[in-house]
Amino acid sequence: MTEQELPEAQWFILHTYSGYENLVKVNLETAFQKNNIEDRLIDIRIPMEDIVEEKNGKRKIVHRRMFPSYVLVKMIYTRDMWHLITGTRGVTGFVGPQGKPTPLTDEEIRRMQLEKVTVKTDFAVGDTIRVVNGPLTDMTGEIKSINATTGKCSVDINIFGRLTPAELDTYQIEKIDY
């Protein structure tokens, strides 16, 4: 394949043996280098989270895998790479129907916070809005804050004469122009 025929890089999920996530990361990087296609491998992630555990009355921060037995890979995938990836030690296959590589959607990437995606909106703090989707449909409120990374707004909604805070996605609201 020529450079022009290569598809765009996308995120895929690989299933691994339990505890093999770090080994899979190293083995994939090595396999891509040996086959001289490291330019197709953009990023490999093993999402971690910090959890506070309490043992014997002492609190301790522990790093824990968010998705045990899974590795997230951003790469330019072509059909000839399937055997290379599934043949890597520790990889049991791709996550997808019948183990076929299925790229993550933009919504999944945003929810998993794999990439910093900024949502462009025409809303501003202080705007009066009406809810057009969800359980609060047709209620009005005022925007208190906007998070462009997550695409969410904090809104004070007037429910039964009281201001009630709610967090809504930007697609759930529309601006009211008086």
C-alpha atoms as a PDB file:
ATOM      1  CA  MET A   1       0.000   0.000   0.000  1.00  0.00           C
ATOM      2  CA  THR A   2       1.189   3.484  -0.756  1.00  0.00           C
ATOM      3  CA  GLU A   3       1.054   6.392   1.690  1.00  0.00           C
ATOM      4  CA  GLN A   4      -2.038   7.814  -0.030  1.00  0.00           C
ATOM      5  CA  GLU A   5      -3.980   4.532   0.375  1.00  0.00           C
ATOM      6  CA  LEU A   6      -3.424   4.257   4.149  1.00  0.00           C
ATOM      7  CA  PRO A   7      -6.546   4.900   6.230  1.00  0.00           C
ATOM      8  CA  GLU A   8      -6.662   7.380   9.110  1.00  0.00           C
ATOM      9  CA  ALA A   9      -5.420   6.307  12.555  1.00  0.00           C
ATOM     10  CA  GLN A  10      -8.168   4.962  14.819  1.00  0.00           C
ATOM     11  CA  TRP A  11      -8.485   3.560  18.343  1.00  0.00           C
ATOM     12  CA  PHE A  12      -8.967  -0.204  18.753  1.00  0.00           C
ATOM     13  CA  ILE A  13      -9.319  -2.380  21.849  1.00  0.00           C
ATOM     14  CA  LEU A  14      -7.260  -5.548  22.248  1.00  0.00           C
ATOM     15  CA  HIS A  15      -8.181  -8.307  24.690  1.00  0.00           C
ATOM     16  CA  THR A  16      -5.217  -9.764  26.579  1.00  0.00           C
ATOM     17  CA  TYR A  17      -4.506 -12.405  29.158  1.00  0.00           C
ATOM     18  CA  SER A  18      -4.997 -11.095  32.688  1.00  0.00           C
ATOM     19  CA  GLY A  19      -1.850  -9.371  33.927  1.00  0.00           C
ATOM     20  CA  TYR A  20      -0.230  -9.316  30.468  1.00  0.00           C
ATOM     21  CA  GLU A  21      -1.212  -5.728  29.598  1.00  0.00           C
ATOM     22  CA  ASN A  22       2.291  -4.227  30.040  1.00  0.00           C
ATOM     23  CA  LEU A  23       3.927  -7.168  28.254  1.00  0.00           C
ATOM     24  CA  VAL A  24       1.511  -6.762  25.326  1.00  0.00           C
ATOM     25  CA  LYS A  25       2.397  -3.066  25.091  1.00  0.00           C
ATOM     26  CA  VAL A  26       6.120  -3.825  24.888  1.00  0.00           C
ATOM     27  CA  ASN A  27       5.621  -6.774  22.495  1.00  0.00           C
ATOM     28  CA  LEU A  28       3.435  -4.710  20.129  1.00  0.00           C
ATOM     29  CA  GLU A  29       5.973  -1.888  20.003  1.00  0.00           C
ATOM     30  CA  THR A  30       8.725  -4.434  19.244  1.00  0.00           C
ATOM     31  CA  ALA A  31       6.656  -6.213  16.567  1.00  0.00           C
ATOM     32  CA  PHE A  32       5.877  -2.933  14.789  1.00  0.00           C
ATOM     33  CA  GLN A  33       9.583  -1.976  14.859  1.00  0.00           C
ATOM     34  CA  LYS A  34      10.744  -5.379  13.547  1.00  0.00           C
ATOM     35  CA  ASN A  35       8.298  -5.161  10.639  1.00  0.00           C
ATOM     36  CA  ASN A  36       9.367  -1.565   9.930  1.00  0.00           C
ATOM     37  CA  ILE A  37       5.816  -0.203  10.335  1.00  0.00           C
ATOM     38  CA  GLU A  38       6.273   1.746  13.591  1.00  0.00           C
ATOM     39  CA  ASP A  39       4.937   4.824  11.780  1.00  0.00           C
ATOM     40  CA  ARG A  40       1.496   3.129  11.791  1.00  0.00           C
ATOM     41  CA  LEU A  41       1.494   2.736  15.587  1.00  0.00           C
ATOM     42  CA  ILE A  42       0.441   6.053  17.116  1.00  0.00           C
ATOM     43  CA  ASP A  43      -0.292   5.254  20.779  1.00  0.00           C
ATOM     44  CA  ILE A  44      -0.766   2.325  23.180  1.00  0.00           C
ATOM     45  CA  ARG A  45      -2.571   2.893  26.480  1.00  0.00           C
ATOM     46  CA  ILE A  46      -3.395   0.895  29.556  1.00  0.00           C
ATOM     47  CA  PRO A  47      -5.848   3.213  31.372  1.00  0.00           C
ATOM     48  CA  MET A  48      -5.054   3.481  35.076  1.00  0.00           C
ATOM     49  CA  GLU A  49      -6.890   5.086  37.987  1.00  0.00           C
ATOM     50  CA  ASP A  50      -5.832   6.025  41.508  1.00  0.00           C
ATOM     51  CA  ILE A  51      -7.890   4.398  44.260  1.00  0.00           C
ATOM     52  CA  VAL A  52      -7.584   4.975  47.993  1.00  0.00           C
ATOM     53  CA  GLU A  53      -7.430   1.654  49.859  1.00  0.00           C
ATOM     54  CA  GLU A  54      -7.589   1.316  53.597  1.00  0.00           C
ATOM     55  CA  LYS A  55      -5.640  -1.483  55.292  1.00  0.00           C
ATOM     56  CA  ASN A  56      -5.053  -1.792  59.027  1.00  0.00           C
ATOM     57  CA  GLY A  57      -6.396   1.735  59.522  1.00  0.00           C
ATOM     58  CA  LYS A  58      -3.919   3.275  57.071  1.00  0.00           C
ATOM     59  CA  ARG A  59      -4.939   4.856  53.792  1.00  0.00           C
ATOM     60  CA  LYS A  60      -2.858   4.159  50.729  1.00  0.00           C
ATOM     61  CA  ILE A  61      -3.193   5.327  47.114  1.00  0.00           C
ATOM     62  CA  VAL A  62      -3.050   2.386  44.704  1.00  0.00           C
ATOM     63  CA  HIS A  63      -2.745   2.510  40.881  1.00  0.00           C
ATOM     64  CA  ARG A  64      -5.263   0.104  39.375  1.00  0.00           C
ATOM     65  CA  ARG A  65      -6.137  -0.788  35.795  1.00  0.00           C
ATOM     66  CA  MET A  66      -9.486   0.694  34.759  1.00  0.00           C
ATOM     67  CA  PHE A  67     -10.066  -2.109  32.233  1.00  0.00           C
ATOM     68  CA  PRO A  68      -8.194  -5.262  33.315  1.00  0.00           C
ATOM     69  CA  SER A  69      -7.250  -7.541  30.384  1.00  0.00           C
ATOM     70  CA  TYR A  70      -7.655  -4.760  27.801  1.00  0.00           C
ATOM     71  CA  VAL A  71      -5.157  -2.578  25.947  1.00  0.00           C
ATOM     72  CA  LEU A  72      -6.184   0.438  23.863  1.00  0.00           C
ATOM     73  CA  VAL A  73      -4.226   0.984  20.649  1.00  0.00           C
ATOM     74  CA  LYS A  74      -4.333   3.927  18.252  1.00  0.00           C
ATOM     75  CA  MET A  75      -2.973   2.836  14.908  1.00  0.00           C
ATOM     76  CA  ILE A  76      -3.367   2.982  11.181  1.00  0.00           C
ATOM     77  CA  TYR A  77      -4.865  -0.474  10.703  1.00  0.00           C
ATOM     78  CA  THR A  78      -4.617  -2.414   7.468  1.00  0.00           C
ATOM     79  CA  ARG A  79      -5.828  -5.972   6.798  1.00  0.00           C
ATOM     80  CA  ASP A  80      -2.288  -7.341   6.557  1.00  0.00           C
ATOM     81  CA  MET A  81      -1.642  -6.383  10.215  1.00  0.00           C
ATOM     82  CA  TRP A  82      -4.262  -8.728  11.735  1.00  0.00           C
ATOM     83  CA  HIS A  83      -1.882 -11.726  12.029  1.00  0.00           C
ATOM     84  CA  LEU A  84       0.913  -9.535  13.399  1.00  0.00           C
ATOM     85  CA  ILE A  85      -1.298  -8.180  16.195  1.00  0.00           C
ATOM     86  CA  THR A  86      -3.246 -11.329  17.103  1.00  0.00           C
ATOM     87  CA  GLY A  87      -0.007 -13.357  16.979  1.00  0.00           C
ATOM     88  CA  THR A  88       1.633 -11.091  19.557  1.00  0.00           C
ATOM     89  CA  ARG A  89       2.290 -12.898  22.850  1.00  0.00           C
ATOM     90  CA  GLY A  90      -0.456 -12.120  25.373  1.00  0.00           C
ATOM     91  CA  VAL A  91      -3.048 -10.870  22.849  1.00  0.00           C
ATOM     92  CA  THR A  92      -6.182 -13.020  22.609  1.00  0.00           C
ATOM     93  CA  GLY A  93      -7.818 -10.890  19.922  1.00  0.00           C
ATOM     94  CA  PHE A  94      -9.564  -7.679  18.986  1.00  0.00           C
ATOM     95  CA  VAL A  95     -12.742  -6.515  20.708  1.00  0.00           C
ATOM     96  CA  GLY A  96     -15.519  -6.544  18.133  1.00  0.00           C
ATOM     97  CA  PRO A  97     -18.051  -8.871  16.496  1.00  0.00           C
ATOM     98  CA  GLN A  98     -16.403 -12.284  15.921  1.00  0.00           C
ATOM     99  CA  GLY A  99     -13.072 -10.720  16.970  1.00  0.00           C
ATOM    100  CA  LYS A 100     -12.987  -8.425  13.940  1.00  0.00           C
ATOM    101  CA  PRO A 101     -11.223  -5.110  14.532  1.00  0.00           C
ATOM    102  CA  THR A 102     -13.881  -2.485  15.235  1.00  0.00           C
ATOM    103  CA  PRO A 103     -12.639   1.075  15.803  1.00  0.00           C
ATOM    104  CA  LEU A 104     -14.012   3.106  18.699  1.00  0.00           C
ATOM    105  CA  THR A 105     -16.575   5.784  17.892  1.00  0.00           C
ATOM    106  CA  ASP A 106     -15.932   9.473  18.605  1.00  0.00           C
ATOM    107  CA  GLU A 107     -18.397   9.273  21.525  1.00  0.00           C
ATOM    108  CA  GLU A 108     -16.521   6.306  23.058  1.00  0.00           C
ATOM    109  CA  ILE A 109     -13.189   8.108  22.652  1.00  0.00           C
ATOM    110  CA  ARG A 110     -14.630  11.187  24.372  1.00  0.00           C
ATOM    111  CA  ARG A 111     -16.163   9.202  27.251  1.00  0.00           C
ATOM    112  CA  MET A 112     -12.952   7.251  27.836  1.00  0.00           C
ATOM    113  CA  GLN A 113     -10.983  10.523  27.634  1.00  0.00           C
ATOM    114  CA  LEU A 114      -8.436   9.008  25.258  1.00  0.00           C
ATOM    115  CA  GLU A 115      -8.047  12.278  23.413  1.00  0.00           C
ATOM    116  CA  LYS A 116      -8.713  15.863  24.308  1.00  0.00           C
ATOM    117  CA  VAL A 117     -11.723  16.638  22.165  1.00  0.00           C
ATOM    118  CA  THR A 118     -13.081  20.139  22.456  1.00  0.00           C
ATOM    119  CA  VAL A 119     -16.722  20.598  21.626  1.00  0.00           C
ATOM    120  CA  LYS A 120     -17.417  23.886  19.885  1.00  0.00           C
ATOM    121  CA  THR A 121     -20.625  25.475  21.070  1.00  0.00           C
ATOM    122  CA  ASP A 122     -22.364  28.763  20.573  1.00  0.00           C
ATOM    123  CA  PHE A 123     -23.377  28.820  24.242  1.00  0.00           C
ATOM    124  CA  ALA A 124     -21.978  31.189  26.849  1.00  0.00           C
ATOM    125  CA  VAL A 125     -22.214  31.390  30.626  1.00  0.00           C
ATOM    126  CA  GLY A 126     -25.375  33.314  31.530  1.00  0.00           C
ATOM    127  CA  ASP A 127     -27.354  32.250  28.439  1.00  0.00           C
ATOM    128  CA  THR A 128     -30.974  31.292  28.953  1.00  0.00           C
ATOM    129  CA  ILE A 129     -31.637  27.838  27.532  1.00  0.00           C
ATOM    130  CA  ARG A 130     -34.465  25.364  27.018  1.00  0.00           C
ATOM    131  CA  VAL A 131     -33.936  21.610  27.437  1.00  0.00           C
ATOM    132  CA  VAL A 132     -34.846  19.760  24.219  1.00  0.00           C
ATOM    133  CA  ASN A 133     -33.817  16.211  25.127  1.00  0.00           C
ATOM    134  CA  GLY A 134     -34.018  14.028  28.227  1.00  0.00           C
ATOM    135  CA  PRO A 135     -36.183  13.941  31.353  1.00  0.00           C
ATOM    136  CA  LEU A 136     -36.124  17.740  31.770  1.00  0.00           C
ATOM    137  CA  THR A 137     -37.483  18.439  28.257  1.00  0.00           C
ATOM    138  CA  ASP A 138     -39.180  21.854  27.816  1.00  0.00           C
ATOM    139  CA  MET A 139     -37.805  23.252  31.090  1.00  0.00           C
ATOM    140  CA  THR A 140     -35.796  26.461  31.016  1.00  0.00           C
ATOM    141  CA  GLY A 141     -32.689  27.509  32.871  1.00  0.00           C
ATOM    142  CA  GLU A 142     -29.485  29.498  32.882  1.00  0.00           C
ATOM    143  CA  ILE A 143     -25.997  28.219  32.050  1.00  0.00           C
ATOM    144  CA  LYS A 144     -23.624  28.497  35.011  1.00  0.00           C
ATOM    145  CA  SER A 145     -20.535  26.808  33.494  1.00  0.00           C
ATOM    146  CA  ILE A 146     -19.424  25.041  30.317  1.00  0.00           C
ATOM    147  CA  ASN A 147     -16.877  22.232  30.017  1.00  0.00           C
ATOM    148  CA  ALA A 148     -15.719  22.210  26.372  1.00  0.00           C
ATOM    149  CA  THR A 149     -13.719  19.000  26.843  1.00  0.00           C
ATOM    150  CA  THR A 150     -16.672  16.872  27.977  1.00  0.00           C
ATOM    151  CA  GLY A 151     -19.361  18.826  26.106  1.00  0.00           C
ATOM    152  CA  LYS A 152     -21.387  19.341  29.283  1.00  0.00           C
ATOM    153  CA  CYS A 153     -22.981  22.421  30.826  1.00  0.00           C
ATOM    154  CA  SER A 154     -23.939  23.104  34.422  1.00  0.00           C
ATOM    155  CA  VAL A 155     -27.371  24.657  34.317  1.00  0.00           C
ATOM    156  CA  ASP A 156     -29.710  26.073  36.979  1.00  0.00           C
ATOM    157  CA  ILE A 157     -33.199  24.913  35.991  1.00  0.00           C
ATOM    158  CA  ASN A 158     -36.371  26.400  37.426  1.00  0.00           C
ATOM    159  CA  ILE A 159     -38.371  23.454  38.814  1.00  0.00           C
ATOM    160  CA  PHE A 160     -41.495  24.306  40.847  1.00  0.00           C
ATOM    161  CA  GLY A 161     -40.208  27.814  41.518  1.00  0.00           C
ATOM    162  CA  ARG A 162     -36.795  26.678  42.769  1.00  0.00           C
ATOM    163  CA  LEU A 163     -33.470  26.753  40.997  1.00  0.00           C
ATOM    164  CA  THR A 164     -32.150  23.203  40.695  1.00  0.00           C
ATOM    165  CA  PRO A 165     -28.631  22.503  39.400  1.00  0.00           C
ATOM    166  CA  ALA A 166     -28.345  19.989  36.555  1.00  0.00           C
ATOM    167  CA  GLU A 167     -25.532  18.792  34.321  1.00  0.00           C
ATOM    168  CA  LEU A 168     -26.588  18.482  30.689  1.00  0.00           C
ATOM    169  CA  ASP A 169     -24.869  17.642  27.411  1.00  0.00           C
ATOM    170  CA  THR A 170     -24.767  20.494  24.914  1.00  0.00           C
ATOM    171  CA  TYR A 171     -26.909  18.492  22.478  1.00  0.00           C
ATOM    172  CA  GLN A 172     -29.700  18.432  25.086  1.00  0.00           C
ATOM    173  CA  ILE A 173     -30.174  22.198  25.164  1.00  0.00           C
ATOM    174  CA  GLU A 174     -30.937  25.102  22.853  1.00  0.00           C
ATOM    175  CA  LYS A 175     -30.445  28.811  23.347  1.00  0.00           C
ATOM    176  CA  ILE A 176     -33.533  30.965  23.888  1.00  0.00           C
ATOM    177  CA  ASP A 177     -33.347  34.323  22.152  1.00  0.00           C
ATOM    178  CA  TYR A 178     -35.718  36.915  23.536  1.00  0.00           C
END
